[in-house]
Amino acid sequence: MILLTSGATTTWVQYAIVAGDYDQVVYGFISTLVLSFLFLDLQVYEYVHATFSISDGIYGSTFYLLTGFHGFHVLVGTIMLAVSFFRFLLGQLSPKFYLGFTVASWY
């Protein structure tokens, strides 16, 4: 649910950039980044409190492989969106120039 909601807030940012509604861009970016960090925090919590390890057979190996790659994907996407947010704050994104954000949101 967290990841689906963060996808919606990313779309919110895109529409706000195109509309030139800069207050909504800030709210959307902050919401997206908070949700991303919340997801990553919950994944770390899950890893710390898991009752099995990567060496506990096929289940542990598969679990950590899949969730680890997904967590890394979310981390990279969060970094890309944070960079886009800072670029927005520096005035480098506008209704006519936002391709970098679009690529980050697709990732």
PDB file of N, CA and C in Angstrom:
ATOM      1  N   MET A   1       0.824  -1.185   0.000  1.00  0.00           N
ATOM      2  CA  MET A   1       0.000   0.000   0.000  1.00  0.00           C
ATOM      3  C   MET A   1       0.874   1.257   0.000  1.00  0.00           C
ATOM      4  N   ILE A   2       1.982   1.202   0.722  1.00  0.00           N
ATOM      5  CA  ILE A   2       2.884   2.353   0.772  1.00  0.00           C
ATOM      6  C   ILE A   2       3.432   2.657  -0.617  1.00  0.00           C
ATOM      7  N   LEU A   3       3.848   1.623  -1.331  1.00  0.00           N
ATOM      8  CA  LEU A   3       4.428   1.846  -2.661  1.00  0.00           C
ATOM      9  C   LEU A   3       3.373   2.327  -3.662  1.00  0.00           C
ATOM     10  N   LEU A   4       2.162   1.811  -3.585  1.00  0.00           N
ATOM     11  CA  LEU A   4       1.096   2.286  -4.465  1.00  0.00           C
ATOM     12  C   LEU A   4       0.783   3.756  -4.196  1.00  0.00           C
ATOM     13  N   THR A   5       0.738   4.122  -2.937  1.00  0.00           N
ATOM     14  CA  THR A   5       0.479   5.510  -2.579  1.00  0.00           C
ATOM     15  C   THR A   5       1.609   6.417  -3.045  1.00  0.00           C
ATOM     16  N   SER A   6       2.853   5.943  -2.918  1.00  0.00           N
ATOM     17  CA  SER A   6       3.976   6.777  -3.377  1.00  0.00           C
ATOM     18  C   SER A   6       3.951   6.941  -4.894  1.00  0.00           C
ATOM     19  N   GLY A   7       3.435   5.949  -5.610  1.00  0.00           N
ATOM     20  CA  GLY A   7       3.255   6.103  -7.053  1.00  0.00           C
ATOM     21  C   GLY A   7       2.229   7.182  -7.362  1.00  0.00           C
ATOM     22  N   ALA A   8       1.168   7.239  -6.569  1.00  0.00           N
ATOM     23  CA  ALA A   8       0.145   8.271  -6.754  1.00  0.00           C
ATOM     24  C   ALA A   8       0.706   9.660  -6.446  1.00  0.00           C
ATOM     25  N   THR A   9       1.507   9.768  -5.400  1.00  0.00           N
ATOM     26  CA  THR A   9       2.076  11.081  -5.070  1.00  0.00           C
ATOM     27  C   THR A   9       3.106  11.521  -6.112  1.00  0.00           C
ATOM     28  N   THR A  10       3.784  10.566  -6.725  1.00  0.00           N
ATOM     29  CA  THR A  10       4.711  10.902  -7.811  1.00  0.00           C
ATOM     30  C   THR A  10       3.939  11.445  -9.013  1.00  0.00           C
ATOM     31  N   THR A  11       2.802  10.848  -9.310  1.00  0.00           N
ATOM     32  CA  THR A  11       1.949  11.339 -10.388  1.00  0.00           C
ATOM     33  C   THR A  11       1.413  12.728 -10.046  1.00  0.00           C
ATOM     34  N   TRP A  12       1.101  12.946  -8.789  1.00  0.00           N
ATOM     35  CA  TRP A  12       0.659  14.251  -8.300  1.00  0.00           C
ATOM     36  C   TRP A  12       1.728  15.303  -8.598  1.00  0.00           C
ATOM     37  N   VAL A  13       2.990  14.969  -8.328  1.00  0.00           N
ATOM     38  CA  VAL A  13       4.093  15.892  -8.606  1.00  0.00           C
ATOM     39  C   VAL A  13       4.154  16.212 -10.096  1.00  0.00           C
ATOM     40  N   GLN A  14       4.038  15.195 -10.925  1.00  0.00           N
ATOM     41  CA  GLN A  14       4.124  15.388 -12.375  1.00  0.00           C
ATOM     42  C   GLN A  14       3.043  16.366 -12.851  1.00  0.00           C
ATOM     43  N   TYR A  15       1.817  16.133 -12.435  1.00  0.00           N
ATOM     44  CA  TYR A  15       0.731  17.023 -12.853  1.00  0.00           C
ATOM     45  C   TYR A  15       0.926  18.434 -12.302  1.00  0.00           C
ATOM     46  N   ALA A  16       1.426  18.542 -11.078  1.00  0.00           N
ATOM     47  CA  ALA A  16       1.650  19.864 -10.483  1.00  0.00           C
ATOM     48  C   ALA A  16       2.753  20.623 -11.219  1.00  0.00           C
ATOM     49  N   ILE A  17       3.806  19.914 -11.638  1.00  0.00           N
ATOM     50  CA  ILE A  17       4.875  20.572 -12.403  1.00  0.00           C
ATOM     51  C   ILE A  17       4.312  21.111 -13.710  1.00  0.00           C
ATOM     52  N   VAL A  18       3.567  20.277 -14.420  1.00  0.00           N
ATOM     53  CA  VAL A  18       2.998  20.687 -15.707  1.00  0.00           C
ATOM     54  C   VAL A  18       2.051  21.872 -15.529  1.00  0.00           C
ATOM     55  N   ALA A  19       1.282  21.866 -14.437  1.00  0.00           N
ATOM     56  CA  ALA A  19       0.333  22.950 -14.175  1.00  0.00           C
ATOM     57  C   ALA A  19       1.013  24.206 -13.639  1.00  0.00           C
ATOM     58  N   GLY A  20       2.274  24.089 -13.221  1.00  0.00           N
ATOM     59  CA  GLY A  20       2.975  25.232 -12.645  1.00  0.00           C
ATOM     60  C   GLY A  20       2.548  25.549 -11.227  1.00  0.00           C
ATOM     61  N   ASP A  21       1.945  24.594 -10.538  1.00  0.00           N
ATOM     62  CA  ASP A  21       1.493  24.766  -9.154  1.00  0.00           C
ATOM     63  C   ASP A  21       2.612  24.336  -8.214  1.00  0.00           C
ATOM     64  N   TYR A  22       3.503  25.258  -7.905  1.00  0.00           N
ATOM     65  CA  TYR A  22       4.730  24.912  -7.208  1.00  0.00           C
ATOM     66  C   TYR A  22       4.513  24.513  -5.753  1.00  0.00           C
ATOM     67  N   ASP A  23       3.464  25.023  -5.105  1.00  0.00           N
ATOM     68  CA  ASP A  23       3.179  24.559  -3.739  1.00  0.00           C
ATOM     69  C   ASP A  23       2.824  23.073  -3.744  1.00  0.00           C
ATOM     70  N   GLN A  24       2.017  22.663  -4.712  1.00  0.00           N
ATOM     71  CA  GLN A  24       1.636  21.261  -4.809  1.00  0.00           C
ATOM     72  C   GLN A  24       2.824  20.371  -5.168  1.00  0.00           C
ATOM     73  N   VAL A  25       3.767  20.908  -5.946  1.00  0.00           N
ATOM     74  CA  VAL A  25       4.984  20.148  -6.268  1.00  0.00           C
ATOM     75  C   VAL A  25       5.745  19.838  -4.983  1.00  0.00           C
ATOM     76  N   VAL A  26       5.906  20.832  -4.139  1.00  0.00           N
ATOM     77  CA  VAL A  26       6.631  20.635  -2.874  1.00  0.00           C
ATOM     78  C   VAL A  26       5.908  19.617  -2.004  1.00  0.00           C
ATOM     79  N   TYR A  27       4.597  19.761  -1.846  1.00  0.00           N
ATOM     80  CA  TYR A  27       3.827  18.813  -1.025  1.00  0.00           C
ATOM     81  C   TYR A  27       3.928  17.397  -1.586  1.00  0.00           C
ATOM     82  N   GLY A  28       3.836  17.285  -2.891  1.00  0.00           N
ATOM     83  CA  GLY A  28       3.917  15.969  -3.521  1.00  0.00           C
ATOM     84  C   GLY A  28       5.278  15.322  -3.357  1.00  0.00           C
ATOM     85  N   PHE A  29       6.337  16.112  -3.574  1.00  0.00           N
ATOM     86  CA  PHE A  29       7.690  15.579  -3.406  1.00  0.00           C
ATOM     87  C   PHE A  29       7.925  15.134  -1.965  1.00  0.00           C
ATOM     88  N   ILE A  30       7.537  15.969  -1.015  1.00  0.00           N
ATOM     89  CA  ILE A  30       7.751  15.613   0.391  1.00  0.00           C
ATOM     90  C   ILE A  30       6.964  14.348   0.741  1.00  0.00           C
ATOM     91  N   SER A  31       5.725  14.267   0.277  1.00  0.00           N
ATOM     92  CA  SER A  31       4.916  13.066   0.541  1.00  0.00           C
ATOM     93  C   SER A  31       5.565  11.819  -0.055  1.00  0.00           C
ATOM     94  N   THR A  32       6.042  11.933  -1.284  1.00  0.00           N
ATOM     95  CA  THR A  32       6.668  10.794  -1.953  1.00  0.00           C
ATOM     96  C   THR A  32       7.918  10.348  -1.215  1.00  0.00           C
ATOM     97  N   LEU A  33       8.758  11.300  -0.843  1.00  0.00           N
ATOM     98  CA  LEU A  33      10.008  10.948  -0.167  1.00  0.00           C
ATOM     99  C   LEU A  33       9.749  10.356   1.219  1.00  0.00           C
ATOM    100  N   VAL A  34       8.765  10.890   1.939  1.00  0.00           N
ATOM    101  CA  VAL A  34       8.423  10.334   3.256  1.00  0.00           C
ATOM    102  C   VAL A  34       7.936   8.892   3.111  1.00  0.00           C
ATOM    103  N   LEU A  35       7.088   8.645   2.120  1.00  0.00           N
ATOM    104  CA  LEU A  35       6.602   7.283   1.899  1.00  0.00           C
ATOM    105  C   LEU A  35       7.728   6.334   1.500  1.00  0.00           C
ATOM    106  N   SER A  36       8.657   6.818   0.693  1.00  0.00           N
ATOM    107  CA  SER A  36       9.796   5.985   0.286  1.00  0.00           C
ATOM    108  C   SER A  36      10.661   5.620   1.484  1.00  0.00           C
ATOM    109  N   PHE A  37      10.955   6.612   2.321  1.00  0.00           N
ATOM    110  CA  PHE A  37      11.766   6.329   3.506  1.00  0.00           C
ATOM    111  C   PHE A  37      11.016   5.428   4.482  1.00  0.00           C
ATOM    112  N   LEU A  38       9.708   5.595   4.577  1.00  0.00           N
ATOM    113  CA  LEU A  38       8.914   4.717   5.436  1.00  0.00           C
ATOM    114  C   LEU A  38       9.000   3.277   4.958  1.00  0.00           C
ATOM    115  N   PHE A  39       8.882   3.069   3.642  1.00  0.00           N
ATOM    116  CA  PHE A  39       9.007   1.719   3.099  1.00  0.00           C
ATOM    117  C   PHE A  39      10.374   1.125   3.416  1.00  0.00           C
ATOM    118  N   LEU A  40      11.429   1.901   3.189  1.00  0.00           N
ATOM    119  CA  LEU A  40      12.783   1.392   3.451  1.00  0.00           C
ATOM    120  C   LEU A  40      12.986   1.109   4.937  1.00  0.00           C
ATOM    121  N   ASP A  41      12.441   1.953   5.807  1.00  0.00           N
ATOM    122  CA  ASP A  41      12.529   1.704   7.252  1.00  0.00           C
ATOM    123  C   ASP A  41      11.822   0.408   7.632  1.00  0.00           C
ATOM    124  N   LEU A  42      10.661   0.179   7.046  1.00  0.00           N
ATOM    125  CA  LEU A  42       9.937  -1.062   7.348  1.00  0.00           C
ATOM    126  C   LEU A  42      10.685  -2.289   6.834  1.00  0.00           C
ATOM    127  N   GLN A  43      11.364  -2.146   5.707  1.00  0.00           N
ATOM    128  CA  GLN A  43      12.135  -3.278   5.198  1.00  0.00           C
ATOM    129  C   GLN A  43      13.321  -3.576   6.120  1.00  0.00           C
ATOM    130  N   VAL A  44      13.996  -2.554   6.600  1.00  0.00           N
ATOM    131  CA  VAL A  44      15.098  -2.767   7.549  1.00  0.00           C
ATOM    132  C   VAL A  44      14.559  -3.406   8.824  1.00  0.00           C
ATOM    133  N   TYR A  45      13.420  -2.925   9.301  1.00  0.00           N
ATOM    134  CA  TYR A  45      12.809  -3.510  10.495  1.00  0.00           C
ATOM    135  C   TYR A  45      12.515  -4.992  10.282  1.00  0.00           C
ATOM    136  N   GLU A  46      11.984  -5.310   9.107  1.00  0.00           N
ATOM    137  CA  GLU A  46      11.672  -6.710   8.791  1.00  0.00           C
ATOM    138  C   GLU A  46      12.944  -7.561   8.778  1.00  0.00           C
ATOM    139  N   TYR A  47      14.009  -7.048   8.198  1.00  0.00           N
ATOM    140  CA  TYR A  47      15.270  -7.795   8.153  1.00  0.00           C
ATOM    141  C   TYR A  47      15.819  -8.021   9.560  1.00  0.00           C
ATOM    142  N   VAL A  48      15.756  -7.012  10.400  1.00  0.00           N
ATOM    143  CA  VAL A  48      16.306  -7.124  11.756  1.00  0.00           C
ATOM    144  C   VAL A  48      15.510  -8.123  12.589  1.00  0.00           C
ATOM    145  N   HIS A  49      14.212  -8.180  12.386  1.00  0.00           N
ATOM    146  CA  HIS A  49      13.360  -9.020  13.217  1.00  0.00           C
ATOM    147  C   HIS A  49      12.967 -10.349  12.574  1.00  0.00           C
ATOM    148  N   ALA A  50      13.514 -10.672  11.432  1.00  0.00           N
ATOM    149  CA  ALA A  50      13.196 -11.951  10.784  1.00  0.00           C
ATOM    150  C   ALA A  50      13.721 -13.106  11.622  1.00  0.00           C
ATOM    151  N   THR A  51      12.953 -14.178  11.662  1.00  0.00           N
ATOM    152  CA  THR A  51      13.349 -15.352  12.460  1.00  0.00           C
ATOM    153  C   THR A  51      14.145 -16.348  11.627  1.00  0.00           C
ATOM    154  N   PHE A  52      14.542 -15.966  10.434  1.00  0.00           N
ATOM    155  CA  PHE A  52      15.327 -16.835   9.560  1.00  0.00           C
ATOM    156  C   PHE A  52      16.426 -15.996   8.923  1.00  0.00           C
ATOM    157  N   SER A  53      17.384 -16.675   8.322  1.00  0.00           N
ATOM    158  CA  SER A  53      18.484 -15.953   7.680  1.00  0.00           C
ATOM    159  C   SER A  53      18.619 -16.405   6.233  1.00  0.00           C
ATOM    160  N   ILE A  54      19.543 -15.797   5.535  1.00  0.00           N
ATOM    161  CA  ILE A  54      19.758 -16.127   4.127  1.00  0.00           C
ATOM    162  C   ILE A  54      20.284 -17.557   3.967  1.00  0.00           C
ATOM    163  N   SER A  55      20.888 -18.085   5.008  1.00  0.00           N
ATOM    164  CA  SER A  55      21.450 -19.438   4.923  1.00  0.00           C
ATOM    165  C   SER A  55      20.486 -20.523   5.402  1.00  0.00           C
ATOM    166  N   ASP A  56      19.223 -20.186   5.632  1.00  0.00           N
ATOM    167  CA  ASP A  56      18.230 -21.150   6.113  1.00  0.00           C
ATOM    168  C   ASP A  56      17.483 -21.853   4.992  1.00  0.00           C
ATOM    169  N   GLY A  57      18.142 -22.116   3.907  1.00  0.00           N
ATOM    170  CA  GLY A  57      17.509 -22.857   2.823  1.00  0.00           C
ATOM    171  C   GLY A  57      16.984 -21.953   1.725  1.00  0.00           C
ATOM    172  N   ILE A  58      16.177 -22.557   0.870  1.00  0.00           N
ATOM    173  CA  ILE A  58      15.702 -21.861  -0.320  1.00  0.00           C
ATOM    174  C   ILE A  58      14.784 -20.695   0.041  1.00  0.00           C
ATOM    175  N   TYR A  59      13.994 -20.807   1.090  1.00  0.00           N
ATOM    176  CA  TYR A  59      13.091 -19.725   1.457  1.00  0.00           C
ATOM    177  C   TYR A  59      13.876 -18.481   1.860  1.00  0.00           C
ATOM    178  N   GLY A  60      14.832 -18.652   2.751  1.00  0.00           N
ATOM    179  CA  GLY A  60      15.636 -17.507   3.193  1.00  0.00           C
ATOM    180  C   GLY A  60      16.412 -16.885   2.049  1.00  0.00           C
ATOM    181  N   SER A  61      17.014 -17.727   1.226  1.00  0.00           N
ATOM    182  CA  SER A  61      17.781 -17.217   0.080  1.00  0.00           C
ATOM    183  C   SER A  61      16.901 -16.432  -0.877  1.00  0.00           C
ATOM    184  N   THR A  62      15.756 -16.998  -1.213  1.00  0.00           N
ATOM    185  CA  THR A  62      14.848 -16.340  -2.146  1.00  0.00           C
ATOM    186  C   THR A  62      14.286 -15.058  -1.555  1.00  0.00           C
ATOM    187  N   PHE A  63      13.898 -15.114  -0.296  1.00  0.00           N
ATOM    188  CA  PHE A  63      13.336 -13.941   0.367  1.00  0.00           C
ATOM    189  C   PHE A  63      14.324 -12.778   0.345  1.00  0.00           C
ATOM    190  N   TYR A  64      15.535 -13.020   0.802  1.00  0.00           N
ATOM    191  CA  TYR A  64      16.511 -11.932   0.883  1.00  0.00           C
ATOM    192  C   TYR A  64      16.975 -11.473  -0.495  1.00  0.00           C
ATOM    193  N   LEU A  65      17.056 -12.384  -1.448  1.00  0.00           N
ATOM    194  CA  LEU A  65      17.435 -11.994  -2.805  1.00  0.00           C
ATOM    195  C   LEU A  65      16.382 -11.069  -3.413  1.00  0.00           C
ATOM    196  N   LEU A  66      15.124 -11.494  -3.382  1.00  0.00           N
ATOM    197  CA  LEU A  66      14.061 -10.707  -4.006  1.00  0.00           C
ATOM    198  C   LEU A  66      13.805  -9.396  -3.274  1.00  0.00           C
ATOM    199  N   THR A  67      13.670  -9.448  -1.965  1.00  0.00           N
ATOM    200  CA  THR A  67      13.389  -8.218  -1.227  1.00  0.00           C
ATOM    201  C   THR A  67      14.602  -7.298  -1.195  1.00  0.00           C
ATOM    202  N   GLY A  68      15.796  -7.876  -1.244  1.00  0.00           N
ATOM    203  CA  GLY A  68      17.003  -7.054  -1.293  1.00  0.00           C
ATOM    204  C   GLY A  68      17.115  -6.285  -2.591  1.00  0.00           C
ATOM    205  N   PHE A  69      16.874  -6.967  -3.716  1.00  0.00           N
ATOM    206  CA  PHE A  69      16.901  -6.270  -5.008  1.00  0.00           C
ATOM    207  C   PHE A  69      15.797  -5.212  -5.075  1.00  0.00           C
ATOM    208  N   HIS A  70      14.625  -5.550  -4.565  1.00  0.00           N
ATOM    209  CA  HIS A  70      13.541  -4.577  -4.592  1.00  0.00           C
ATOM    210  C   HIS A  70      13.861  -3.382  -3.696  1.00  0.00           C
ATOM    211  N   GLY A  71      14.396  -3.635  -2.518  1.00  0.00           N
ATOM    212  CA  GLY A  71      14.786  -2.552  -1.622  1.00  0.00           C
ATOM    213  C   GLY A  71      15.843  -1.654  -2.244  1.00  0.00           C
ATOM    214  N   PHE A  72      16.802  -2.260  -2.948  1.00  0.00           N
ATOM    215  CA  PHE A  72      17.824  -1.472  -3.632  1.00  0.00           C
ATOM    216  C   PHE A  72      17.190  -0.617  -4.727  1.00  0.00           C
ATOM    217  N   HIS A  73      16.247  -1.195  -5.453  1.00  0.00           N
ATOM    218  CA  HIS A  73      15.525  -0.465  -6.498  1.00  0.00           C
ATOM    219  C   HIS A  73      14.796   0.750  -5.898  1.00  0.00           C
ATOM    220  N   VAL A  74      14.121   0.544  -4.778  1.00  0.00           N
ATOM    221  CA  VAL A  74      13.412   1.643  -4.116  1.00  0.00           C
ATOM    222  C   VAL A  74      14.410   2.690  -3.623  1.00  0.00           C
ATOM    223  N   LEU A  75      15.542   2.269  -3.079  1.00  0.00           N
ATOM    224  CA  LEU A  75      16.560   3.204  -2.605  1.00  0.00           C
ATOM    225  C   LEU A  75      17.084   4.071  -3.751  1.00  0.00           C
ATOM    226  N   VAL A  76      17.410   3.460  -4.876  1.00  0.00           N
ATOM    227  CA  VAL A  76      17.912   4.217  -6.032  1.00  0.00           C
ATOM    228  C   VAL A  76      16.830   5.176  -6.529  1.00  0.00           C
ATOM    229  N   GLY A  77      15.594   4.715  -6.604  1.00  0.00           N
ATOM    230  CA  GLY A  77      14.499   5.588  -7.023  1.00  0.00           C
ATOM    231  C   GLY A  77      14.302   6.751  -6.071  1.00  0.00           C
ATOM    232  N   THR A  78      14.432   6.500  -4.776  1.00  0.00           N
ATOM    233  CA  THR A  78      14.312   7.559  -3.777  1.00  0.00           C
ATOM    234  C   THR A  78      15.405   8.595  -3.963  1.00  0.00           C
ATOM    235  N   ILE A  79      16.621   8.134  -4.206  1.00  0.00           N
ATOM    236  CA  ILE A  79      17.736   9.067  -4.439  1.00  0.00           C
ATOM    237  C   ILE A  79      17.474   9.895  -5.691  1.00  0.00           C
ATOM    238  N   MET A  80      16.999   9.254  -6.764  1.00  0.00           N
ATOM    239  CA  MET A  80      16.713   9.977  -8.000  1.00  0.00           C
ATOM    240  C   MET A  80      15.617  11.023  -7.781  1.00  0.00           C
ATOM    241  N   LEU A  81      14.582  10.677  -7.035  1.00  0.00           N
ATOM    242  CA  LEU A  81      13.510  11.632  -6.766  1.00  0.00           C
ATOM    243  C   LEU A  81      13.975  12.753  -5.841  1.00  0.00           C
ATOM    244  N   ALA A  82      14.853  12.436  -4.891  1.00  0.00           N
ATOM    245  CA  ALA A  82      15.396  13.480  -4.013  1.00  0.00           C
ATOM    246  C   ALA A  82      16.244  14.464  -4.818  1.00  0.00           C
ATOM    247  N   VAL A  83      17.024  13.956  -5.750  1.00  0.00           N
ATOM    248  CA  VAL A  83      17.810  14.832  -6.626  1.00  0.00           C
ATOM    249  C   VAL A  83      16.875  15.710  -7.454  1.00  0.00           C
ATOM    250  N   SER A  84      15.795  15.132  -7.969  1.00  0.00           N
ATOM    251  CA  SER A  84      14.816  15.915  -8.727  1.00  0.00           C
ATOM    252  C   SER A  84      14.186  17.003  -7.859  1.00  0.00           C
ATOM    253  N   PHE A  85      13.912  16.682  -6.603  1.00  0.00           N
ATOM    254  CA  PHE A  85      13.341  17.669  -5.687  1.00  0.00           C
ATOM    255  C   PHE A  85      14.318  18.825  -5.468  1.00  0.00           C
ATOM    256  N   PHE A  86      15.585  18.510  -5.242  1.00  0.00           N
ATOM    257  CA  PHE A  86      16.571  19.578  -5.058  1.00  0.00           C
ATOM    258  C   PHE A  86      16.742  20.391  -6.332  1.00  0.00           C
ATOM    259  N   ARG A  87      16.667  19.742  -7.481  1.00  0.00           N
ATOM    260  CA  ARG A  87      16.720  20.476  -8.749  1.00  0.00           C
ATOM    261  C   ARG A  87      15.519  21.401  -8.882  1.00  0.00           C
ATOM    262  N   PHE A  88      14.353  20.935  -8.430  1.00  0.00           N
ATOM    263  CA  PHE A  88      13.173  21.797  -8.444  1.00  0.00           C
ATOM    264  C   PHE A  88      13.383  23.006  -7.545  1.00  0.00           C
ATOM    265  N   LEU A  89      13.917  22.768  -6.344  1.00  0.00           N
ATOM    266  CA  LEU A  89      14.150  23.874  -5.410  1.00  0.00           C
ATOM    267  C   LEU A  89      15.154  24.880  -5.964  1.00  0.00           C
ATOM    268  N   LEU A  90      16.069  24.421  -6.796  1.00  0.00           N
ATOM    269  CA  LEU A  90      17.053  25.309  -7.421  1.00  0.00           C
ATOM    270  C   LEU A  90      16.512  25.980  -8.688  1.00  0.00           C
ATOM    271  N   GLY A  91      15.263  25.704  -9.034  1.00  0.00           N
ATOM    272  CA  GLY A  91      14.645  26.311 -10.199  1.00  0.00           C
ATOM    273  C   GLY A  91      15.004  25.653 -11.516  1.00  0.00           C
ATOM    274  N   GLN A  92      15.467  24.413 -11.469  1.00  0.00           N
ATOM    275  CA  GLN A  92      15.885  23.718 -12.680  1.00  0.00           C
ATOM    276  C   GLN A  92      14.780  22.877 -13.314  1.00  0.00           C
ATOM    277  N   LEU A  93      13.607  22.821 -12.692  1.00  0.00           N
ATOM    278  CA  LEU A  93      12.462  22.130 -13.275  1.00  0.00           C
ATOM    279  C   LEU A  93      11.364  23.152 -13.525  1.00  0.00           C
ATOM    280  N   SER A  94      10.698  23.023 -14.645  1.00  0.00           N
ATOM    281  CA  SER A  94       9.621  23.933 -15.001  1.00  0.00           C
ATOM    282  C   SER A  94       8.584  23.163 -15.814  1.00  0.00           C
ATOM    283  N   PRO A  95       7.433  23.794 -16.105  1.00  0.00           N
ATOM    284  CA  PRO A  95       6.426  23.109 -16.924  1.00  0.00           C
ATOM    285  C   PRO A  95       6.940  22.701 -18.306  1.00  0.00           C
ATOM    286  N   LYS A  96       7.993  23.344 -18.780  1.00  0.00           N
ATOM    287  CA  LYS A  96       8.537  22.995 -20.094  1.00  0.00           C
ATOM    288  C   LYS A  96       9.784  22.120 -20.008  1.00  0.00           C
ATOM    289  N   PHE A  97      10.379  22.026 -18.824  1.00  0.00           N
ATOM    290  CA  PHE A  97      11.625  21.263 -18.680  1.00  0.00           C
ATOM    291  C   PHE A  97      11.558  20.420 -17.416  1.00  0.00           C
ATOM    292  N   TYR A  98      11.137  19.170 -17.574  1.00  0.00           N
ATOM    293  CA  TYR A  98      11.034  18.265 -16.420  1.00  0.00           C
ATOM    294  C   TYR A  98      11.337  16.818 -16.799  1.00  0.00           C
ATOM    295  N   LEU A  99      12.090  16.620 -17.865  1.00  0.00           N
ATOM    296  CA  LEU A  99      12.385  15.266 -18.338  1.00  0.00           C
ATOM    297  C   LEU A  99      13.140  14.441 -17.288  1.00  0.00           C
ATOM    298  N   GLY A 100      14.082  15.054 -16.592  1.00  0.00           N
ATOM    299  CA  GLY A 100      14.828  14.326 -15.563  1.00  0.00           C
ATOM    300  C   GLY A 100      13.911  13.757 -14.493  1.00  0.00           C
ATOM    301  N   PHE A 101      12.928  14.554 -14.073  1.00  0.00           N
ATOM    302  CA  PHE A 101      11.961  14.051 -13.099  1.00  0.00           C
ATOM    303  C   PHE A 101      11.130  12.912 -13.698  1.00  0.00           C
ATOM    304  N   THR A 102      10.725  13.067 -14.956  1.00  0.00           N
ATOM    305  CA  THR A 102       9.906  12.043 -15.597  1.00  0.00           C
ATOM    306  C   THR A 102      10.650  10.712 -15.645  1.00  0.00           C
ATOM    307  N   VAL A 103      11.910  10.752 -16.003  1.00  0.00           N
ATOM    308  CA  VAL A 103      12.704   9.525 -16.045  1.00  0.00           C
ATOM    309  C   VAL A 103      12.827   8.917 -14.645  1.00  0.00           C
ATOM    310  N   ALA A 104      13.045   9.752 -13.632  1.00  0.00           N
ATOM    311  CA  ALA A 104      13.146   9.256 -12.267  1.00  0.00           C
ATOM    312  C   ALA A 104      11.821   8.639 -11.825  1.00  0.00           C
ATOM    313  N   SER A 105      10.711   9.241 -12.206  1.00  0.00           N
ATOM    314  CA  SER A 105       9.412   8.689 -11.796  1.00  0.00           C
ATOM    315  C   SER A 105       9.114   7.373 -12.521  1.00  0.00           C
ATOM    316  N   TRP A 106       9.573   7.231 -13.747  1.00  0.00           N
ATOM    317  CA  TRP A 106       9.402   5.954 -14.451  1.00  0.00           C
ATOM    318  C   TRP A 106      10.191   4.846 -13.792  1.00  0.00           C
ATOM    319  N   TYR A 107      11.375   5.184 -13.278  1.00  0.00           N
ATOM    320  CA  TYR A 107      12.208   4.175 -12.628  1.00  0.00           C
ATOM    321  C   TYR A 107      11.499   3.657 -11.393  1.00  0.00           C
TER     322      TYR A 107
END
